[in-house]
Amino acid sequence: MPFELTILGSNSALPTSDRYPTAQVLNILGRFFLIDCGEGTQIQLRRNKIGFSKIKHIFISHLHGDHYYGLIGLISTLNLLGLKTDIHIYAPSEIKYLLQPQLDFLKGDLNLKLIFIR
């Protein structure tokens, strides 16, 4: 299939037992793009059998927590999986400042190269 959108989460800031905060995966000809990364994104990726290593581009639409609170956890997981690839993060410029304290903590062990694009 050349184009497929998987809704991982479509709820607001308050997760419920059957809906997660915002996250979608767009598959275009085998290239996977994560659009927003609310809490629970990793669980939903696994449930939908979408390999974490397929995601190289992450788009954060805006800086409400329900759109990016799952991002640092996903970055950590990608790192723990041993991925040594570039991850492009398209987001408002402030995202780097929000994530920087946690990235500084991981810095010595971070195998990924994060490229922030605003």
N, C-alpha and C. Protein backbone atom coordinates (compact mmCIF):
# COMPACT_ATOMS: atom_id res chain seq x y z
N MET A 1 0.85 -1.18 0.00
CA MET A 1 0.00 0.00 0.00
C MET A 1 0.90 1.24 0.00
N PRO A 2 0.70 2.16 -0.92
CA PRO A 2 1.59 3.32 -1.02
C PRO A 2 1.38 4.38 0.06
N PHE A 3 0.20 4.41 0.69
CA PHE A 3 -0.10 5.47 1.64
C PHE A 3 -1.01 4.90 2.72
N GLU A 4 -0.59 5.04 3.99
CA GLU A 4 -1.40 4.52 5.08
C GLU A 4 -1.19 5.39 6.32
N LEU A 5 -2.28 5.76 6.97
CA LEU A 5 -2.22 6.53 8.21
C LEU A 5 -2.78 5.67 9.33
N THR A 6 -1.98 5.49 10.37
CA THR A 6 -2.40 4.73 11.54
C THR A 6 -2.58 5.69 12.70
N ILE A 7 -3.78 5.75 13.25
CA ILE A 7 -4.05 6.60 14.40
C ILE A 7 -3.66 5.83 15.65
N LEU A 8 -2.64 6.32 16.35
CA LEU A 8 -2.19 5.69 17.59
C LEU A 8 -2.91 6.28 18.79
N GLY A 9 -3.26 7.54 18.70
CA GLY A 9 -3.96 8.22 19.77
C GLY A 9 -4.72 9.40 19.21
N SER A 10 -5.89 9.65 19.78
CA SER A 10 -6.71 10.75 19.28
C SER A 10 -7.45 11.46 20.42
N ASN A 11 -6.98 11.27 21.61
CA ASN A 11 -7.63 11.88 22.76
C ASN A 11 -6.94 13.19 23.12
N SER A 12 -7.52 13.90 24.05
CA SER A 12 -6.94 15.16 24.50
C SER A 12 -5.90 14.88 25.59
N ALA A 13 -5.62 15.85 26.40
CA ALA A 13 -4.57 15.74 27.41
C ALA A 13 -4.87 14.68 28.48
N LEU A 14 -6.12 14.31 28.64
CA LEU A 14 -6.47 13.30 29.63
C LEU A 14 -6.65 11.95 28.97
N PRO A 15 -5.69 11.02 29.15
CA PRO A 15 -5.86 9.71 28.53
C PRO A 15 -7.02 8.97 29.18
N THR A 16 -7.63 8.12 28.41
CA THR A 16 -8.68 7.26 28.94
C THR A 16 -8.22 5.81 28.78
N SER A 17 -9.01 4.89 29.25
CA SER A 17 -8.61 3.49 29.17
C SER A 17 -8.66 2.94 27.74
N ASP A 18 -9.34 3.64 26.84
CA ASP A 18 -9.42 3.13 25.48
C ASP A 18 -8.91 4.10 24.41
N ARG A 19 -8.43 5.28 24.82
CA ARG A 19 -7.87 6.23 23.85
C ARG A 19 -6.66 6.92 24.46
N TYR A 20 -5.62 7.04 23.68
CA TYR A 20 -4.38 7.67 24.11
C TYR A 20 -4.30 9.09 23.57
N PRO A 21 -3.41 9.93 24.15
CA PRO A 21 -3.17 11.25 23.58
C PRO A 21 -2.65 11.16 22.14
N THR A 22 -2.59 12.27 21.50
CA THR A 22 -2.37 12.38 20.07
C THR A 22 -1.06 11.75 19.58
N ALA A 23 -1.19 10.92 18.56
CA ALA A 23 -0.06 10.37 17.81
C ALA A 23 -0.60 9.63 16.59
N GLN A 24 0.07 9.81 15.47
CA GLN A 24 -0.27 9.12 14.25
C GLN A 24 1.02 8.71 13.55
N VAL A 25 0.95 7.62 12.79
CA VAL A 25 2.08 7.23 11.95
C VAL A 25 1.62 7.24 10.50
N LEU A 26 2.35 7.98 9.70
CA LEU A 26 2.08 8.05 8.27
C LEU A 26 3.12 7.20 7.54
N ASN A 27 2.65 6.23 6.77
CA ASN A 27 3.52 5.37 5.98
C ASN A 27 3.31 5.74 4.51
N ILE A 28 4.36 6.26 3.92
CA ILE A 28 4.34 6.60 2.50
C ILE A 28 5.41 5.77 1.81
N LEU A 29 4.97 4.77 1.08
CA LEU A 29 5.88 3.90 0.34
C LEU A 29 6.99 3.32 1.23
N GLY A 30 6.61 2.93 2.44
CA GLY A 30 7.58 2.31 3.34
C GLY A 30 8.41 3.29 4.15
N ARG A 31 8.18 4.57 4.01
CA ARG A 31 8.83 5.59 4.84
C ARG A 31 7.84 5.99 5.92
N PHE A 32 8.26 5.89 7.17
CA PHE A 32 7.37 6.11 8.30
C PHE A 32 7.64 7.45 8.96
N PHE A 33 6.58 8.21 9.16
CA PHE A 33 6.66 9.53 9.78
C PHE A 33 5.74 9.53 11.00
N LEU A 34 6.29 9.85 12.15
CA LEU A 34 5.49 9.96 13.36
C LEU A 34 5.01 11.40 13.49
N ILE A 35 3.71 11.56 13.63
CA ILE A 35 3.13 12.89 13.77
C ILE A 35 2.59 13.01 15.19
N ASP A 36 3.23 13.81 15.97
CA ASP A 36 2.97 13.97 17.40
C ASP A 36 3.35 12.69 18.15
N CYS A 37 3.58 12.86 19.45
CA CYS A 37 4.08 11.75 20.25
C CYS A 37 3.59 11.90 21.69
N GLY A 38 2.29 11.73 21.87
CA GLY A 38 1.72 11.79 23.20
C GLY A 38 2.12 10.57 24.02
N GLU A 39 1.82 10.62 25.32
CA GLU A 39 2.09 9.48 26.18
C GLU A 39 1.37 8.25 25.63
N GLY A 40 2.01 7.11 25.73
CA GLY A 40 1.41 5.88 25.24
C GLY A 40 1.74 5.56 23.79
N THR A 41 2.48 6.42 23.13
CA THR A 41 2.82 6.19 21.73
C THR A 41 3.58 4.88 21.55
N GLN A 42 4.51 4.59 22.44
CA GLN A 42 5.29 3.36 22.29
C GLN A 42 4.42 2.11 22.41
N ILE A 43 3.48 2.15 23.32
CA ILE A 43 2.57 1.02 23.49
C ILE A 43 1.76 0.81 22.21
N GLN A 44 1.26 1.90 21.66
CA GLN A 44 0.46 1.82 20.46
C GLN A 44 1.28 1.40 19.23
N LEU A 45 2.54 1.82 19.17
CA LEU A 45 3.42 1.36 18.08
C LEU A 45 3.54 -0.16 18.14
N ARG A 46 3.75 -0.68 19.33
CA ARG A 46 3.87 -2.15 19.48
C ARG A 46 2.55 -2.84 19.13
N ARG A 47 1.44 -2.33 19.63
CA ARG A 47 0.13 -2.95 19.33
C ARG A 47 -0.15 -2.99 17.84
N ASN A 48 0.31 -1.97 17.13
CA ASN A 48 0.08 -1.89 15.69
C ASN A 48 1.22 -2.49 14.87
N LYS A 49 2.17 -3.14 15.57
CA LYS A 49 3.29 -3.82 14.92
C LYS A 49 4.08 -2.91 13.97
N ILE A 50 4.33 -1.70 14.45
CA ILE A 50 5.15 -0.75 13.71
C ILE A 50 6.51 -0.70 14.38
N GLY A 51 7.53 -1.14 13.69
CA GLY A 51 8.87 -1.19 14.25
C GLY A 51 9.41 0.19 14.58
N PHE A 52 9.93 0.33 15.78
CA PHE A 52 10.47 1.63 16.21
C PHE A 52 11.56 2.10 15.27
N SER A 53 12.37 1.18 14.78
CA SER A 53 13.52 1.57 13.95
C SER A 53 13.11 2.12 12.60
N LYS A 54 11.85 1.97 12.23
CA LYS A 54 11.37 2.51 10.95
C LYS A 54 11.16 4.02 11.01
N ILE A 55 11.04 4.56 12.21
CA ILE A 55 10.74 5.98 12.37
C ILE A 55 12.02 6.80 12.37
N LYS A 56 12.17 7.63 11.38
CA LYS A 56 13.35 8.49 11.26
C LYS A 56 12.98 9.98 11.28
N HIS A 57 11.68 10.26 11.15
CA HIS A 57 11.20 11.64 11.12
C HIS A 57 10.02 11.76 12.07
N ILE A 58 10.09 12.74 12.97
CA ILE A 58 9.04 12.97 13.96
C ILE A 58 8.61 14.42 13.84
N PHE A 59 7.32 14.62 13.69
CA PHE A 59 6.74 15.95 13.60
C PHE A 59 5.94 16.23 14.86
N ILE A 60 6.23 17.33 15.52
CA ILE A 60 5.47 17.77 16.69
C ILE A 60 4.72 19.03 16.28
N SER A 61 3.39 18.93 16.26
CA SER A 61 2.58 20.03 15.72
C SER A 61 2.64 21.28 16.58
N HIS A 62 2.61 21.12 17.90
CA HIS A 62 2.70 22.26 18.80
C HIS A 62 3.05 21.74 20.19
N LEU A 63 3.33 22.63 21.10
CA LEU A 63 3.92 22.24 22.38
C LEU A 63 2.93 22.10 23.53
N HIS A 64 1.76 21.58 23.25
CA HIS A 64 0.90 21.13 24.33
C HIS A 64 1.38 19.74 24.70
N GLY A 65 1.40 19.44 25.99
CA GLY A 65 1.97 18.18 26.47
C GLY A 65 1.42 16.93 25.82
N ASP A 66 0.14 16.94 25.48
CA ASP A 66 -0.44 15.74 24.88
C ASP A 66 0.07 15.48 23.47
N HIS A 67 0.90 16.36 22.95
CA HIS A 67 1.48 16.18 21.63
C HIS A 67 2.97 15.82 21.68
N TYR A 68 3.62 15.97 22.86
CA TYR A 68 5.06 15.66 22.89
C TYR A 68 5.55 14.98 24.16
N TYR A 69 4.72 14.75 25.17
CA TYR A 69 5.21 14.16 26.42
C TYR A 69 5.77 12.74 26.24
N GLY A 70 5.43 12.05 25.19
CA GLY A 70 5.99 10.72 24.95
C GLY A 70 7.31 10.73 24.20
N LEU A 71 7.77 11.90 23.78
CA LEU A 71 8.94 11.98 22.91
C LEU A 71 10.24 11.56 23.60
N ILE A 72 10.49 12.03 24.81
CA ILE A 72 11.76 11.68 25.47
C ILE A 72 11.82 10.19 25.76
N GLY A 73 10.68 9.60 26.10
CA GLY A 73 10.65 8.15 26.31
C GLY A 73 10.94 7.38 25.04
N LEU A 74 10.40 7.85 23.92
CA LEU A 74 10.66 7.20 22.64
C LEU A 74 12.13 7.34 22.26
N ILE A 75 12.71 8.51 22.46
CA ILE A 75 14.13 8.71 22.17
C ILE A 75 14.97 7.77 23.01
N SER A 76 14.65 7.65 24.28
CA SER A 76 15.37 6.75 25.18
C SER A 76 15.25 5.30 24.71
N THR A 77 14.06 4.89 24.32
CA THR A 77 13.87 3.52 23.83
C THR A 77 14.66 3.27 22.56
N LEU A 78 14.62 4.20 21.61
CA LEU A 78 15.39 4.04 20.38
C LEU A 78 16.87 3.88 20.70
N ASN A 79 17.33 4.64 21.67
CA ASN A 79 18.72 4.55 22.09
C ASN A 79 19.01 3.19 22.74
N LEU A 80 18.12 2.74 23.64
CA LEU A 80 18.30 1.45 24.30
C LEU A 80 18.28 0.28 23.30
N LEU A 81 17.57 0.45 22.20
CA LEU A 81 17.54 -0.57 21.16
C LEU A 81 18.83 -0.60 20.36
N GLY A 82 19.71 0.37 20.61
CA GLY A 82 21.00 0.40 19.94
C GLY A 82 21.00 1.05 18.57
N LEU A 83 19.95 1.77 18.27
CA LEU A 83 19.91 2.44 16.97
C LEU A 83 20.95 3.54 16.90
N LYS A 84 21.65 3.61 15.79
CA LYS A 84 22.68 4.63 15.59
C LYS A 84 22.38 5.36 14.30
N THR A 85 21.27 6.03 14.31
CA THR A 85 20.78 6.68 13.11
C THR A 85 20.44 8.13 13.42
N ASP A 86 20.19 8.88 12.39
CA ASP A 86 19.73 10.26 12.57
C ASP A 86 18.22 10.24 12.75
N ILE A 87 17.73 10.98 13.73
CA ILE A 87 16.31 11.18 13.94
C ILE A 87 16.05 12.66 13.72
N HIS A 88 15.22 12.97 12.76
CA HIS A 88 14.86 14.35 12.45
C HIS A 88 13.59 14.70 13.22
N ILE A 89 13.66 15.76 14.00
CA ILE A 89 12.52 16.21 14.79
C ILE A 89 12.10 17.58 14.28
N TYR A 90 10.93 17.64 13.68
CA TYR A 90 10.37 18.87 13.13
C TYR A 90 9.39 19.41 14.16
N ALA A 91 9.71 20.53 14.75
CA ALA A 91 8.90 21.04 15.87
C ALA A 91 9.20 22.51 16.08
N PRO A 92 8.34 23.18 16.86
CA PRO A 92 8.69 24.55 17.26
C PRO A 92 10.05 24.55 17.96
N SER A 93 10.81 25.61 17.77
CA SER A 93 12.20 25.65 18.27
C SER A 93 12.30 25.43 19.77
N GLU A 94 11.27 25.74 20.53
CA GLU A 94 11.33 25.58 21.99
C GLU A 94 11.41 24.12 22.43
N ILE A 95 11.12 23.18 21.56
CA ILE A 95 11.14 21.76 21.94
C ILE A 95 12.52 21.35 22.43
N LYS A 96 13.54 21.88 21.81
CA LYS A 96 14.90 21.51 22.21
C LYS A 96 15.18 21.95 23.65
N TYR A 97 14.70 23.12 24.03
CA TYR A 97 14.91 23.61 25.39
C TYR A 97 14.11 22.80 26.40
N LEU A 98 12.94 22.33 26.01
CA LEU A 98 12.13 21.51 26.90
C LEU A 98 12.77 20.14 27.13
N LEU A 99 13.39 19.59 26.10
CA LEU A 99 13.99 18.26 26.18
C LEU A 99 15.44 18.27 26.67
N GLN A 100 16.11 19.43 26.58
CA GLN A 100 17.54 19.49 26.82
C GLN A 100 17.99 18.92 28.17
N PRO A 101 17.33 19.20 29.29
CA PRO A 101 17.80 18.61 30.56
C PRO A 101 17.84 17.08 30.52
N GLN A 102 16.84 16.47 29.92
CA GLN A 102 16.83 15.01 29.83
C GLN A 102 17.87 14.52 28.82
N LEU A 103 18.04 15.23 27.72
CA LEU A 103 19.05 14.86 26.74
C LEU A 103 20.46 14.99 27.34
N ASP A 104 20.67 16.02 28.16
CA ASP A 104 21.97 16.18 28.82
C ASP A 104 22.27 14.98 29.71
N PHE A 105 21.25 14.47 30.37
CA PHE A 105 21.44 13.31 31.24
C PHE A 105 21.83 12.08 30.42
N LEU A 106 21.27 11.93 29.23
CA LEU A 106 21.56 10.79 28.36
C LEU A 106 22.82 10.98 27.52
N LYS A 107 23.32 12.19 27.46
CA LYS A 107 24.34 12.57 26.48
C LYS A 107 25.49 11.57 26.36
N GLY A 108 26.02 11.13 27.45
CA GLY A 108 27.15 10.21 27.38
C GLY A 108 26.80 8.89 26.74
N ASP A 109 25.56 8.51 26.80
CA ASP A 109 25.12 7.22 26.28
C ASP A 109 24.22 7.32 25.07
N LEU A 110 24.08 8.50 24.50
CA LEU A 110 23.15 8.68 23.38
C LEU A 110 23.85 8.32 22.07
N ASN A 111 23.38 7.25 21.44
CA ASN A 111 23.94 6.79 20.18
C ASN A 111 23.29 7.47 18.98
N LEU A 112 22.10 7.96 19.18
CA LEU A 112 21.35 8.60 18.10
C LEU A 112 21.85 10.02 17.86
N LYS A 113 21.69 10.47 16.66
CA LYS A 113 21.92 11.88 16.38
C LYS A 113 20.55 12.52 16.19
N LEU A 114 20.21 13.45 17.06
CA LEU A 114 18.94 14.17 16.97
C LEU A 114 19.16 15.45 16.19
N ILE A 115 18.39 15.62 15.15
CA ILE A 115 18.48 16.82 14.31
C ILE A 115 17.16 17.57 14.48
N PHE A 116 17.24 18.72 15.10
CA PHE A 116 16.04 19.53 15.35
C PHE A 116 15.85 20.50 14.19
N ILE A 117 14.67 20.47 13.63
CA ILE A 117 14.33 21.34 12.49
C ILE A 117 13.06 22.09 12.86
N ARG A 118 13.11 23.41 12.74
CA ARG A 118 11.89 24.15 13.06
C ARG A 118 11.28 24.74 11.84
